Amino acid sequence: MIRLFTILLLLISFNGWTNEAYDNCIAIAEEAKNNVLQPTDWSKIEAAINKEEALIPETASIKAQTSGKPTFSQRRTRAREIELDMQKEIEQKRIQLEYDKQAEQSKIAESKKQAINDYVELLKVCSELNVIKFEGKIE
């Protein structure tokens, strides 16, 4: 917000008390309204989790073969245990992803609220600028 006021003051000092200064002020206010956080593209993260989940049976089988279990039945049991552990990890990743999405939505909502507040404050400044300009013309 302070940065926007500084820009506004610079515009006023370089442009004087003209319609151009008021127009620039309104343009800055409009720009401030659009200064909000943009949502993350979560699709790549979701795709990576889905890919990891699809590879669980193969990965578990490989890990079970290298675990040193001598019989096929023991390797198959160990592979199933590994699969279940990996599936739990995937579920935790999905839970964390949902948590992150919700946290981001909250931040975006706060960002929108702040942008609207900045917009309103800048419109007040522009209005005061316009009043000062007209008072200067009357005298």
Protein backbone atom coordinates (compact mmCIF):
# COMPACT_ATOMS: atom_id res chain seq x y z
CA MET A 1 0.00 0.00 0.00
CA ILE A 2 2.81 2.40 0.87
CA ARG A 3 4.47 1.56 -2.44
CA LEU A 4 1.28 2.51 -4.30
CA PHE A 5 1.05 5.83 -2.46
CA THR A 6 4.68 6.54 -3.28
CA ILE A 7 4.04 5.88 -6.96
CA LEU A 8 0.99 8.10 -6.79
CA LEU A 9 2.96 10.93 -5.19
CA LEU A 10 5.66 10.62 -7.84
CA LEU A 11 3.07 10.84 -10.58
CA ILE A 12 1.55 13.93 -8.99
CA SER A 13 4.93 15.62 -8.55
CA PHE A 14 5.95 15.00 -12.17
CA ASN A 15 2.60 15.72 -13.76
CA GLY A 16 1.30 18.59 -11.65
CA TRP A 17 -2.35 19.10 -10.73
CA THR A 18 -3.80 18.14 -14.10
CA ASN A 19 -6.38 15.76 -15.39
CA GLU A 20 -3.46 13.52 -16.31
CA ALA A 21 -2.51 13.14 -12.63
CA TYR A 22 -6.07 12.22 -11.75
CA ASP A 23 -6.23 9.75 -14.65
CA ASN A 24 -2.92 8.23 -13.58
CA CYS A 25 -4.23 7.94 -10.04
CA ILE A 26 -7.30 6.05 -11.25
CA ALA A 27 -5.11 3.79 -13.39
CA ILE A 28 -2.96 2.95 -10.36
CA ALA A 29 -6.09 2.23 -8.34
CA GLU A 30 -7.36 -0.12 -11.06
CA GLU A 31 -4.00 -1.87 -11.13
CA ALA A 32 -4.07 -2.27 -7.34
CA LYS A 33 -7.47 -3.96 -7.60
CA ASN A 34 -5.91 -6.68 -9.76
CA ASN A 35 -2.89 -7.18 -7.50
CA VAL A 36 -3.95 -10.55 -6.04
CA LEU A 37 -2.27 -13.90 -5.59
CA GLN A 38 -2.83 -16.33 -8.43
CA PRO A 39 -3.78 -19.95 -7.71
CA THR A 40 -1.18 -22.66 -8.13
CA ASP A 41 -1.57 -25.25 -10.87
CA TRP A 42 -1.91 -28.32 -8.68
CA SER A 43 -2.38 -30.70 -11.62
CA LYS A 44 1.34 -31.55 -11.90
CA ILE A 45 1.53 -32.46 -8.23
CA GLU A 46 -1.64 -34.54 -8.48
CA ALA A 47 -0.29 -36.27 -11.60
CA ALA A 48 2.97 -37.10 -9.80
CA ILE A 49 1.07 -38.61 -6.88
CA ASN A 50 -1.12 -40.62 -9.26
CA LYS A 51 1.96 -41.86 -11.13
CA GLU A 52 3.64 -42.84 -7.89
CA GLU A 53 0.49 -44.69 -6.81
CA ALA A 54 0.32 -46.56 -10.11
CA LEU A 55 3.91 -47.77 -9.62
CA ILE A 56 3.31 -49.11 -6.11
CA PRO A 57 2.77 -52.80 -7.06
CA GLU A 58 5.89 -52.91 -9.24
CA THR A 59 8.04 -51.03 -6.72
CA ALA A 60 6.83 -53.18 -3.82
CA SER A 61 7.59 -56.34 -5.79
CA ILE A 62 11.14 -55.18 -6.55
CA LYS A 63 11.75 -54.17 -2.94
CA ALA A 64 10.41 -57.53 -1.71
CA GLN A 65 12.75 -59.44 -4.05
CA THR A 66 15.76 -57.59 -2.68
CA SER A 67 14.69 -58.02 0.94
CA GLY A 68 16.37 -61.42 1.23
CA LYS A 69 13.20 -63.48 1.82
CA PRO A 70 13.92 -66.99 0.53
CA THR A 71 10.52 -68.29 -0.54
CA PHE A 72 8.04 -66.96 -3.06
CA SER A 73 5.30 -66.87 -0.42
CA GLN A 74 7.46 -64.82 1.96
CA ARG A 75 8.41 -62.40 -0.82
CA ARG A 76 4.75 -62.03 -1.80
CA THR A 77 3.76 -61.34 1.82
CA ARG A 78 6.58 -58.83 2.17
CA ALA A 79 5.55 -57.16 -1.12
CA ARG A 80 2.01 -56.79 0.21
CA GLU A 81 3.32 -55.19 3.42
CA ILE A 82 5.44 -52.79 1.39
CA GLU A 83 2.44 -51.97 -0.82
CA LEU A 84 0.30 -51.13 2.21
CA ASP A 85 3.02 -48.89 3.65
CA MET A 86 3.44 -47.12 0.33
CA GLN A 87 -0.32 -46.69 0.00
CA LYS A 88 -0.39 -45.04 3.43
CA GLU A 89 2.35 -42.65 2.29
CA ILE A 90 0.32 -41.81 -0.84
CA GLU A 91 -2.74 -41.13 1.30
CA GLN A 92 -0.70 -38.81 3.50
CA LYS A 93 0.51 -36.95 0.41
CA ARG A 94 -3.09 -36.55 -0.79
CA ILE A 95 -4.14 -35.22 2.63
CA GLN A 96 -1.22 -32.77 2.63
CA LEU A 97 -2.11 -31.67 -0.91
CA GLU A 98 -5.69 -30.92 0.13
CA TYR A 99 -4.43 -29.03 3.17
CA ASP A 100 -2.08 -27.00 0.96
CA LYS A 101 -4.92 -26.23 -1.48
CA GLN A 102 -7.16 -24.99 1.31
CA ALA A 103 -4.36 -22.90 2.82
CA GLU A 104 -3.72 -21.34 -0.58
CA GLN A 105 -7.42 -20.57 -1.06
CA SER A 106 -7.39 -18.79 2.27
CA LYS A 107 -4.33 -16.76 1.25
CA ILE A 108 -5.92 -15.87 -2.09
CA ALA A 109 -9.11 -14.73 -0.36
CA GLU A 110 -7.06 -12.56 2.00
CA SER A 111 -5.12 -11.21 -0.97
CA LYS A 112 -8.36 -10.27 -2.74
CA LYS A 113 -9.63 -8.56 0.39
CA GLN A 114 -6.38 -6.58 0.70
CA ALA A 115 -6.49 -5.62 -2.99
CA ILE A 116 -10.02 -4.28 -2.59
CA ASN A 117 -8.98 -2.31 0.49
CA ASP A 118 -6.02 -0.86 -1.41
CA TYR A 119 -8.31 0.00 -4.31
CA VAL A 120 -10.76 1.84 -2.05
CA GLU A 121 -7.95 3.72 -0.30
CA LEU A 122 -6.45 4.77 -3.62
CA LEU A 123 -9.85 5.91 -4.90
CA LYS A 124 -10.11 8.10 -1.80
CA VAL A 125 -6.71 9.60 -2.59
CA CYS A 126 -7.74 10.15 -6.22
CA SER A 127 -10.95 11.78 -5.06
CA GLU A 128 -9.01 14.11 -2.75
CA LEU A 129 -6.64 14.88 -5.60
CA ASN A 130 -9.59 15.78 -7.80
CA VAL A 131 -11.08 18.01 -5.08
CA ILE A 132 -7.76 19.81 -4.58
CA LYS A 133 -7.45 20.30 -8.34
CA PHE A 134 -10.93 21.84 -8.56
CA GLU A 135 -10.36 24.02 -5.49
CA GLY A 136 -7.21 25.34 -7.15
CA LYS A 137 -9.20 26.26 -10.28
CA ILE A 138 -11.90 28.10 -8.31
CA GLU A 139 -9.43 30.49 -6.67
